[in-house]
């Protein structure tokens, strides 16, 4: 499948056309916010005209007669996926996101450019997902596998708040209380001087909504990367941020 570039309105129109009316509505609200019904109808009509003009869509009396197979495969891979992996990182207040949708044997990469263009591309295999995600998350080389410790998500958040407001010693004390011992100070220093933060989350569709029950957080500090595996309602396992650990955590999320 070639790389497809669709406007957000075209993407929403196609989702609805393939049976995902609810998903289309939620998708547009996420991107555009609340839009007046009249304006929304106009946007979707314009999207349909654009798809018709490119020959990707054929309608007869308002009913779908045919849809370009590449387009149908790409959008269908998103709509009917068994699960998805969402990679996100926030740098200087700007969030970048790449999502991989899995519907055996198809893997579809999905990302949004400039908040208005949806890019969809078929990915040949799991190894390509690993390589692209390593590049996207800028994961450094390394194979140190030891677990550094376990702490609660609440404690991590409190320590982060202390570190970001210049109270590194207080952050160190909290992290030591959480059981990180000798790793408390370097983590607090990296929290204080973080270059960016991110997450890798697994989502599964359910009858009522989409649920996320697996994943890990990423902190790229001034000196090193840290990974925080989500192991329960509020527990995090702390690992060195390197390619070995990154790939091991991803493998746990793979069906």
C-alpha atoms as a PDB file:
ATOM      1  CA  UNK A   1       0.000   0.000   0.000  1.00  0.00           C
ATOM      2  CA  UNK A   2       1.359   3.372  -0.977  1.00  0.00           C
ATOM      3  CA  UNK A   3       1.505   6.266   1.451  1.00  0.00           C
ATOM      4  CA  UNK A   4      -1.942   7.885   1.596  1.00  0.00           C
ATOM      5  CA  UNK A   5      -2.453  11.498   2.561  1.00  0.00           C
ATOM      6  CA  UNK A   6      -6.019  12.450   3.499  1.00  0.00           C
ATOM      7  CA  UNK A   7      -7.493  15.576   5.010  1.00  0.00           C
ATOM      8  CA  UNK A   8      -9.032  15.048   8.442  1.00  0.00           C
ATOM      9  CA  UNK A   9     -12.484  15.537   6.865  1.00  0.00           C
ATOM     10  CA  UNK A  10     -11.746  12.896   4.204  1.00  0.00           C
ATOM     11  CA  UNK A  11     -10.587  10.516   6.924  1.00  0.00           C
ATOM     12  CA  UNK A  12     -13.746  11.103   8.937  1.00  0.00           C
ATOM     13  CA  UNK A  13     -15.960  10.685   5.863  1.00  0.00           C
ATOM     14  CA  UNK A  14     -14.303   7.363   5.005  1.00  0.00           C
ATOM     15  CA  UNK A  15     -14.560   6.106   8.580  1.00  0.00           C
ATOM     16  CA  UNK A  16     -18.291   6.801   8.512  1.00  0.00           C
ATOM     17  CA  UNK A  17     -18.667   5.275   5.052  1.00  0.00           C
ATOM     18  CA  UNK A  18     -17.071   2.025   6.259  1.00  0.00           C
ATOM     19  CA  UNK A  19     -19.411   1.727   9.229  1.00  0.00           C
ATOM     20  CA  UNK A  20     -17.586   3.772  11.846  1.00  0.00           C
ATOM     21  CA  UNK A  21     -19.988   6.682  12.301  1.00  0.00           C
ATOM     22  CA  UNK A  22     -19.265   6.947  16.019  1.00  0.00           C
ATOM     23  CA  UNK A  23     -15.511   6.711  15.463  1.00  0.00           C
ATOM     24  CA  UNK A  24     -15.747   9.400  12.764  1.00  0.00           C
ATOM     25  CA  UNK A  25     -17.542  11.775  15.108  1.00  0.00           C
ATOM     26  CA  UNK A  26     -15.070  11.233  17.943  1.00  0.00           C
ATOM     27  CA  UNK A  27     -12.148  11.612  15.545  1.00  0.00           C
ATOM     28  CA  UNK A  28     -13.364  14.990  14.278  1.00  0.00           C
ATOM     29  CA  UNK A  29     -14.125  16.270  17.770  1.00  0.00           C
ATOM     30  CA  UNK A  30     -10.610  15.349  18.867  1.00  0.00           C
ATOM     31  CA  UNK A  31      -9.060  17.249  15.960  1.00  0.00           C
ATOM     32  CA  UNK A  32     -11.470  20.147  15.376  1.00  0.00           C
ATOM     33  CA  UNK A  33     -13.349  20.460  18.647  1.00  0.00           C
ATOM     34  CA  UNK A  34     -17.092  21.095  18.569  1.00  0.00           C
ATOM     35  CA  UNK A  35     -18.269  22.115  15.089  1.00  0.00           C
ATOM     36  CA  UNK A  36     -21.726  23.435  14.191  1.00  0.00           C
ATOM     37  CA  UNK A  37     -23.817  20.735  12.419  1.00  0.00           C
ATOM     38  CA  UNK A  38     -24.243  22.844   9.281  1.00  0.00           C
ATOM     39  CA  UNK A  39     -20.515  23.507   9.016  1.00  0.00           C
ATOM     40  CA  UNK A  40     -19.748  19.831   9.680  1.00  0.00           C
ATOM     41  CA  UNK A  41     -22.104  18.719   6.910  1.00  0.00           C
ATOM     42  CA  UNK A  42     -20.420  21.124   4.522  1.00  0.00           C
ATOM     43  CA  UNK A  43     -16.947  19.901   5.454  1.00  0.00           C
ATOM     44  CA  UNK A  44     -17.903  16.250   4.934  1.00  0.00           C
ATOM     45  CA  UNK A  45     -19.642  17.013   1.625  1.00  0.00           C
ATOM     46  CA  UNK A  46     -16.502  18.787   0.420  1.00  0.00           C
ATOM     47  CA  UNK A  47     -14.445  15.770   1.501  1.00  0.00           C
ATOM     48  CA  UNK A  48     -16.687  13.434  -0.499  1.00  0.00           C
ATOM     49  CA  UNK A  49     -16.322  15.662  -3.571  1.00  0.00           C
ATOM     50  CA  UNK A  50     -12.531  15.591  -3.179  1.00  0.00           C
ATOM     51  CA  UNK A  51     -12.509  11.777  -3.012  1.00  0.00           C
ATOM     52  CA  UNK A  52     -14.811  11.586  -6.035  1.00  0.00           C
ATOM     53  CA  UNK A  53     -12.592  13.957  -7.998  1.00  0.00           C
ATOM     54  CA  UNK A  54      -9.547  11.786  -7.381  1.00  0.00           C
ATOM     55  CA  UNK A  55     -11.387   8.689  -8.534  1.00  0.00           C
ATOM     56  CA  UNK A  56     -11.040   6.982  -5.170  1.00  0.00           C
ATOM     57  CA  UNK A  57     -14.764   6.899  -4.533  1.00  0.00           C
ATOM     58  CA  UNK A  58     -17.786   6.116  -6.713  1.00  0.00           C
ATOM     59  CA  UNK A  59     -21.288   6.854  -5.456  1.00  0.00           C
ATOM     60  CA  UNK A  60     -24.601   6.075  -7.176  1.00  0.00           C
ATOM     61  CA  UNK A  61     -27.660   7.831  -5.760  1.00  0.00           C
ATOM     62  CA  UNK A  62     -25.713   8.486  -2.572  1.00  0.00           C
ATOM     63  CA  UNK A  63     -24.830   4.823  -2.100  1.00  0.00           C
ATOM     64  CA  UNK A  64     -21.289   3.450  -2.177  1.00  0.00           C
ATOM     65  CA  UNK A  65     -20.643   1.664  -5.471  1.00  0.00           C
ATOM     66  CA  UNK A  66     -16.870   1.275  -5.205  1.00  0.00           C
ATOM     67  CA  UNK A  67     -13.909   2.456  -3.136  1.00  0.00           C
ATOM     68  CA  UNK A  68     -10.257   2.396  -4.110  1.00  0.00           C
ATOM     69  CA  UNK A  69      -8.880  -0.857  -2.591  1.00  0.00           C
ATOM     70  CA  UNK A  70      -5.767   0.879  -1.223  1.00  0.00           C
ATOM     71  CA  UNK A  71      -7.905   3.464   0.534  1.00  0.00           C
ATOM     72  CA  UNK A  72     -10.290   0.826   1.856  1.00  0.00           C
ATOM     73  CA  UNK A  73      -7.423  -1.299   3.187  1.00  0.00           C
ATOM     74  CA  UNK A  74      -5.742   1.666   4.899  1.00  0.00           C
ATOM     75  CA  UNK A  75      -8.842   3.127   6.566  1.00  0.00           C
ATOM     76  CA  UNK A  76     -10.267  -0.323   7.291  1.00  0.00           C
ATOM     77  CA  UNK A  77      -7.012  -1.263   8.998  1.00  0.00           C
ATOM     78  CA  UNK A  78      -7.518   1.639  11.403  1.00  0.00           C
ATOM     79  CA  UNK A  79     -11.244   1.102  11.936  1.00  0.00           C
ATOM     80  CA  UNK A  80     -11.186  -2.684  12.374  1.00  0.00           C
ATOM     81  CA  UNK A  81      -7.868  -3.156  14.175  1.00  0.00           C
ATOM     82  CA  UNK A  82      -7.486  -5.756  16.915  1.00  0.00           C
ATOM     83  CA  UNK A  83      -5.320  -3.342  18.884  1.00  0.00           C
ATOM     84  CA  UNK A  84      -3.056  -0.336  18.419  1.00  0.00           C
ATOM     85  CA  UNK A  85       0.231   0.970  19.822  1.00  0.00           C
ATOM     86  CA  UNK A  86       0.426   4.728  20.322  1.00  0.00           C
ATOM     87  CA  UNK A  87       3.821   6.425  20.582  1.00  0.00           C
ATOM     88  CA  UNK A  88       3.841  10.028  21.760  1.00  0.00           C
ATOM     89  CA  UNK A  89       6.424  12.552  22.880  1.00  0.00           C
ATOM     90  CA  UNK A  90       6.044  16.153  23.980  1.00  0.00           C
ATOM     91  CA  UNK A  91       8.886  18.547  23.268  1.00  0.00           C
ATOM     92  CA  UNK A  92       8.609  22.216  24.300  1.00  0.00           C
ATOM     93  CA  UNK A  93       4.849  21.869  24.630  1.00  0.00           C
ATOM     94  CA  UNK A  94       4.387  20.321  21.170  1.00  0.00           C
ATOM     95  CA  UNK A  95       3.148  16.726  21.012  1.00  0.00           C
ATOM     96  CA  UNK A  96       4.115  14.353  18.194  1.00  0.00           C
ATOM     97  CA  UNK A  97       2.209  11.076  17.828  1.00  0.00           C
ATOM     98  CA  UNK A  98       2.568   7.946  15.693  1.00  0.00           C
ATOM     99  CA  UNK A  99       0.092   5.057  16.017  1.00  0.00           C
ATOM    100  CA  UNK A 100       0.352   1.529  14.626  1.00  0.00           C
ATOM    101  CA  UNK A 101      -2.885  -0.387  14.059  1.00  0.00           C
ATOM    102  CA  UNK A 102      -2.724  -4.187  14.002  1.00  0.00           C
ATOM    103  CA  UNK A 103      -5.190  -6.308  12.067  1.00  0.00           C
ATOM    104  CA  UNK A 104      -3.503  -9.560  11.077  1.00  0.00           C
ATOM    105  CA  UNK A 105      -1.698  -9.684   8.755  1.00  0.00           C
ATOM    106  CA  UNK A 106      -1.910  -5.901   8.186  1.00  0.00           C
ATOM    107  CA  UNK A 107      -0.030  -3.257  10.178  1.00  0.00           C
ATOM    108  CA  UNK A 108      -0.980   0.346   9.401  1.00  0.00           C
ATOM    109  CA  UNK A 109       1.053   3.366  10.484  1.00  0.00           C
ATOM    110  CA  UNK A 110      -1.036   6.464  11.170  1.00  0.00           C
ATOM    111  CA  UNK A 111       0.109   9.989  11.944  1.00  0.00           C
ATOM    112  CA  UNK A 112      -1.196  13.527  11.546  1.00  0.00           C
ATOM    113  CA  UNK A 113       0.896  16.264   9.957  1.00  0.00           C
ATOM    114  CA  UNK A 114       0.288  19.966  10.616  1.00  0.00           C
ATOM    115  CA  UNK A 115      -2.980  19.063  12.384  1.00  0.00           C
ATOM    116  CA  UNK A 116      -4.857  18.691   9.076  1.00  0.00           C
ATOM    117  CA  UNK A 117      -3.320  15.820   7.066  1.00  0.00           C
ATOM    118  CA  UNK A 118      -3.749  12.143   7.944  1.00  0.00           C
ATOM    119  CA  UNK A 119      -0.913   9.931   6.691  1.00  0.00           C
ATOM    120  CA  UNK A 120      -1.486   6.182   6.431  1.00  0.00           C
ATOM    121  CA  UNK A 121       1.047   3.597   5.317  1.00  0.00           C
ATOM    122  CA  UNK A 122       1.216  -0.210   5.357  1.00  0.00           C
ATOM    123  CA  UNK A 123       4.116  -1.552   7.427  1.00  0.00           C
ATOM    124  CA  UNK A 124       5.563  -4.873   6.239  1.00  0.00           C
ATOM    125  CA  UNK A 125       6.439  -6.488   9.586  1.00  0.00           C
ATOM    126  CA  UNK A 126       7.019  -6.161  13.318  1.00  0.00           C
ATOM    127  CA  UNK A 127      10.735  -5.448  12.906  1.00  0.00           C
ATOM    128  CA  UNK A 128       9.876  -2.339  10.897  1.00  0.00           C
ATOM    129  CA  UNK A 129       7.596  -1.166  13.712  1.00  0.00           C
ATOM    130  CA  UNK A 130      10.465  -1.658  16.173  1.00  0.00           C
ATOM    131  CA  UNK A 131      12.950   0.234  14.014  1.00  0.00           C
ATOM    132  CA  UNK A 132      10.598   3.138  13.281  1.00  0.00           C
ATOM    133  CA  UNK A 133       9.519   3.473  16.898  1.00  0.00           C
ATOM    134  CA  UNK A 134      13.147   3.439  18.100  1.00  0.00           C
ATOM    135  CA  UNK A 135      13.899   6.234  15.654  1.00  0.00           C
ATOM    136  CA  UNK A 136      10.767   8.210  16.571  1.00  0.00           C
ATOM    137  CA  UNK A 137      11.414   7.944  20.316  1.00  0.00           C
ATOM    138  CA  UNK A 138      15.157   8.535  19.835  1.00  0.00           C
ATOM    139  CA  UNK A 139      16.045   5.514  21.979  1.00  0.00           C
ATOM    140  CA  UNK A 140      19.791   5.285  22.675  1.00  0.00           C
ATOM    141  CA  UNK A 141      21.800   2.123  22.177  1.00  0.00           C
ATOM    142  CA  UNK A 142      22.521  -0.061  25.184  1.00  0.00           C
ATOM    143  CA  UNK A 143      21.696  -3.416  26.740  1.00  0.00           C
ATOM    144  CA  UNK A 144      21.650  -2.816  30.516  1.00  0.00           C
ATOM    145  CA  UNK A 145      18.687  -4.900  31.611  1.00  0.00           C
ATOM    146  CA  UNK A 146      18.562  -4.487  35.400  1.00  0.00           C
ATOM    147  CA  UNK A 147      15.425  -3.124  37.049  1.00  0.00           C
ATOM    148  CA  UNK A 148      16.313   0.028  38.979  1.00  0.00           C
ATOM    149  CA  UNK A 149      13.337  -0.076  41.300  1.00  0.00           C
ATOM    150  CA  UNK A 150       9.560   0.186  41.674  1.00  0.00           C
ATOM    151  CA  UNK A 151       7.516   3.168  42.816  1.00  0.00           C
ATOM    152  CA  UNK A 152       3.998   4.506  42.640  1.00  0.00           C
ATOM    153  CA  UNK A 153       2.819   6.783  39.853  1.00  0.00           C
ATOM    154  CA  UNK A 154       1.677   9.307  42.474  1.00  0.00           C
ATOM    155  CA  UNK A 155       5.126   9.445  44.057  1.00  0.00           C
ATOM    156  CA  UNK A 156       6.763   9.857  40.660  1.00  0.00           C
ATOM    157  CA  UNK A 157       4.444  12.768  39.869  1.00  0.00           C
ATOM    158  CA  UNK A 158       5.143  14.435  43.221  1.00  0.00           C
ATOM    159  CA  UNK A 159       8.892  14.040  42.730  1.00  0.00           C
ATOM    160  CA  UNK A 160       8.625  15.471  39.245  1.00  0.00           C
ATOM    161  CA  UNK A 161       6.766  18.536  40.540  1.00  0.00           C
ATOM    162  CA  UNK A 162       9.455  19.108  43.148  1.00  0.00           C
ATOM    163  CA  UNK A 163      12.279  18.726  40.635  1.00  0.00           C
ATOM    164  CA  UNK A 164      10.686  21.035  38.071  1.00  0.00           C
ATOM    165  CA  UNK A 165      10.258  23.796  40.645  1.00  0.00           C
ATOM    166  CA  UNK A 166      13.919  23.697  41.665  1.00  0.00           C
ATOM    167  CA  UNK A 167      13.562  21.548  44.789  1.00  0.00           C
ATOM    168  CA  UNK A 168      15.737  18.671  43.651  1.00  0.00           C
ATOM    169  CA  UNK A 169      16.715  17.609  47.165  1.00  0.00           C
ATOM    170  CA  UNK A 170      13.045  17.163  48.048  1.00  0.00           C
ATOM    171  CA  UNK A 171      12.563  15.157  44.858  1.00  0.00           C
ATOM    172  CA  UNK A 172      15.541  12.964  45.772  1.00  0.00           C
ATOM    173  CA  UNK A 173      14.086  12.342  49.220  1.00  0.00           C
ATOM    174  CA  UNK A 174      10.747  11.279  47.742  1.00  0.00           C
ATOM    175  CA  UNK A 175      12.393   8.945  45.258  1.00  0.00           C
ATOM    176  CA  UNK A 176      14.533   7.402  47.994  1.00  0.00           C
ATOM    177  CA  UNK A 177      11.394   6.838  50.051  1.00  0.00           C
ATOM    178  CA  UNK A 178       9.973   5.111  46.984  1.00  0.00           C
ATOM    179  CA  UNK A 179      12.878   2.671  46.945  1.00  0.00           C
ATOM    180  CA  UNK A 180      15.139   3.985  44.184  1.00  0.00           C
ATOM    181  CA  UNK A 181      18.115   4.457  46.559  1.00  0.00           C
ATOM    182  CA  UNK A 182      21.271   5.265  44.546  1.00  0.00           C
ATOM    183  CA  UNK A 183      19.306   6.176  41.400  1.00  0.00           C
ATOM    184  CA  UNK A 184      17.220   8.863  43.096  1.00  0.00           C
ATOM    185  CA  UNK A 185      19.561  11.806  42.508  1.00  0.00           C
ATOM    186  CA  UNK A 186      20.345  11.200  38.802  1.00  0.00           C
ATOM    187  CA  UNK A 187      16.621  10.696  38.135  1.00  0.00           C
ATOM    188  CA  UNK A 188      15.714  13.895  39.992  1.00  0.00           C
ATOM    189  CA  UNK A 189      18.344  15.820  38.046  1.00  0.00           C
ATOM    190  CA  UNK A 190      17.012  14.472  34.759  1.00  0.00           C
ATOM    191  CA  UNK A 191      13.481  15.405  35.787  1.00  0.00           C
ATOM    192  CA  UNK A 192      14.640  18.943  36.497  1.00  0.00           C
ATOM    193  CA  UNK A 193      16.390  19.224  33.134  1.00  0.00           C
ATOM    194  CA  UNK A 194      14.137  17.004  31.029  1.00  0.00           C
ATOM    195  CA  UNK A 195      14.443  17.429  27.254  1.00  0.00           C
ATOM    196  CA  UNK A 196      11.115  15.722  26.614  1.00  0.00           C
ATOM    197  CA  UNK A 197       8.575  13.230  27.957  1.00  0.00           C
ATOM    198  CA  UNK A 198       6.553  10.597  26.204  1.00  0.00           C
ATOM    199  CA  UNK A 199       4.552   7.403  26.448  1.00  0.00           C
ATOM    200  CA  UNK A 200       3.893   4.137  24.636  1.00  0.00           C
ATOM    201  CA  UNK A 201       0.380   2.810  25.206  1.00  0.00           C
ATOM    202  CA  UNK A 202      -1.595  -0.161  23.933  1.00  0.00           C
ATOM    203  CA  UNK A 203      -5.274   0.345  23.086  1.00  0.00           C
ATOM    204  CA  UNK A 204      -7.910  -2.320  22.512  1.00  0.00           C
ATOM    205  CA  UNK A 205     -11.417  -1.738  21.162  1.00  0.00           C
ATOM    206  CA  UNK A 206     -14.247  -2.892  23.410  1.00  0.00           C
ATOM    207  CA  UNK A 207     -18.024  -2.975  22.820  1.00  0.00           C
ATOM    208  CA  UNK A 208     -18.460   0.453  24.447  1.00  0.00           C
ATOM    209  CA  UNK A 209     -15.135   2.251  24.034  1.00  0.00           C
ATOM    210  CA  UNK A 210     -11.394   1.858  23.642  1.00  0.00           C
ATOM    211  CA  UNK A 211      -9.398   0.712  26.663  1.00  0.00           C
ATOM    212  CA  UNK A 212      -5.711   0.976  27.471  1.00  0.00           C
ATOM    213  CA  UNK A 213      -4.282  -1.629  29.855  1.00  0.00           C
ATOM    214  CA  UNK A 214      -0.579  -1.782  28.962  1.00  0.00           C
ATOM    215  CA  UNK A 215       2.241   0.635  28.343  1.00  0.00           C
ATOM    216  CA  UNK A 216       5.173   2.591  29.671  1.00  0.00           C
ATOM    217  CA  UNK A 217       6.293   6.180  30.161  1.00  0.00           C
ATOM    218  CA  UNK A 218       9.489   7.685  28.765  1.00  0.00           C
ATOM    219  CA  UNK A 219      11.631  10.456  30.203  1.00  0.00           C
ATOM    220  CA  UNK A 220      14.522  11.853  28.174  1.00  0.00           C
ATOM    221  CA  UNK A 221      16.617  13.722  30.678  1.00  0.00           C
ATOM    222  CA  UNK A 222      19.639  15.903  30.155  1.00  0.00           C
ATOM    223  CA  UNK A 223      21.903  12.903  30.732  1.00  0.00           C
ATOM    224  CA  UNK A 224      19.980   9.732  29.999  1.00  0.00           C
ATOM    225  CA  UNK A 225      16.643   8.131  29.160  1.00  0.00           C
ATOM    226  CA  UNK A 226      14.390   6.426  31.719  1.00  0.00           C
ATOM    227  CA  UNK A 227      11.524   3.978  31.122  1.00  0.00           C
ATOM    228  CA  UNK A 228       8.637   3.469  33.554  1.00  0.00           C
ATOM    229  CA  UNK A 229       6.639   0.303  32.894  1.00  0.00           C
ATOM    230  CA  UNK A 230       3.009   0.452  34.028  1.00  0.00           C
ATOM    231  CA  UNK A 231       2.423  -2.767  35.981  1.00  0.00           C
ATOM    232  CA  UNK A 232      -0.820  -2.099  37.834  1.00  0.00           C
ATOM    233  CA  UNK A 233      -3.300   0.573  38.788  1.00  0.00           C
ATOM    234  CA  UNK A 234      -0.563   2.776  40.242  1.00  0.00           C
ATOM    235  CA  UNK A 235       2.771   0.933  40.138  1.00  0.00           C
ATOM    236  CA  UNK A 236       5.723   1.685  37.878  1.00  0.00           C
ATOM    237  CA  UNK A 237       8.874  -0.362  37.276  1.00  0.00           C
ATOM    238  CA  UNK A 238      11.884   1.852  36.511  1.00  0.00           C
ATOM    239  CA  UNK A 239      14.344   0.704  33.831  1.00  0.00           C
ATOM    240  CA  UNK A 240      17.332   2.256  32.057  1.00  0.00           C
ATOM    241  CA  UNK A 241      16.216   3.790  28.768  1.00  0.00           C
ATOM    242  CA  UNK A 242      17.991   1.799  26.085  1.00  0.00           C
ATOM    243  CA  UNK A 243      17.108  -0.198  22.990  1.00  0.00           C
ATOM    244  CA  UNK A 244      17.154  -3.559  24.710  1.00  0.00           C
ATOM    245  CA  UNK A 245      14.653  -2.569  27.389  1.00  0.00           C
ATOM    246  CA  UNK A 246      12.535  -0.571  24.932  1.00  0.00           C
ATOM    247  CA  UNK A 247      12.184  -3.602  22.640  1.00  0.00           C
ATOM    248  CA  UNK A 248      11.492  -5.978  25.555  1.00  0.00           C
ATOM    249  CA  UNK A 249       8.658  -3.750  26.766  1.00  0.00           C
ATOM    250  CA  UNK A 250       7.212  -3.523  23.256  1.00  0.00           C
ATOM    251  CA  UNK A 251       7.326  -7.317  22.868  1.00  0.00           C
ATOM    252  CA  UNK A 252       5.189  -7.638  26.012  1.00  0.00           C
ATOM    253  CA  UNK A 253       2.552  -5.487  24.327  1.00  0.00           C
ATOM    254  CA  UNK A 254       2.531  -7.495  21.114  1.00  0.00           C
ATOM    255  CA  UNK A 255      -0.191 -10.080  20.536  1.00  0.00           C
END
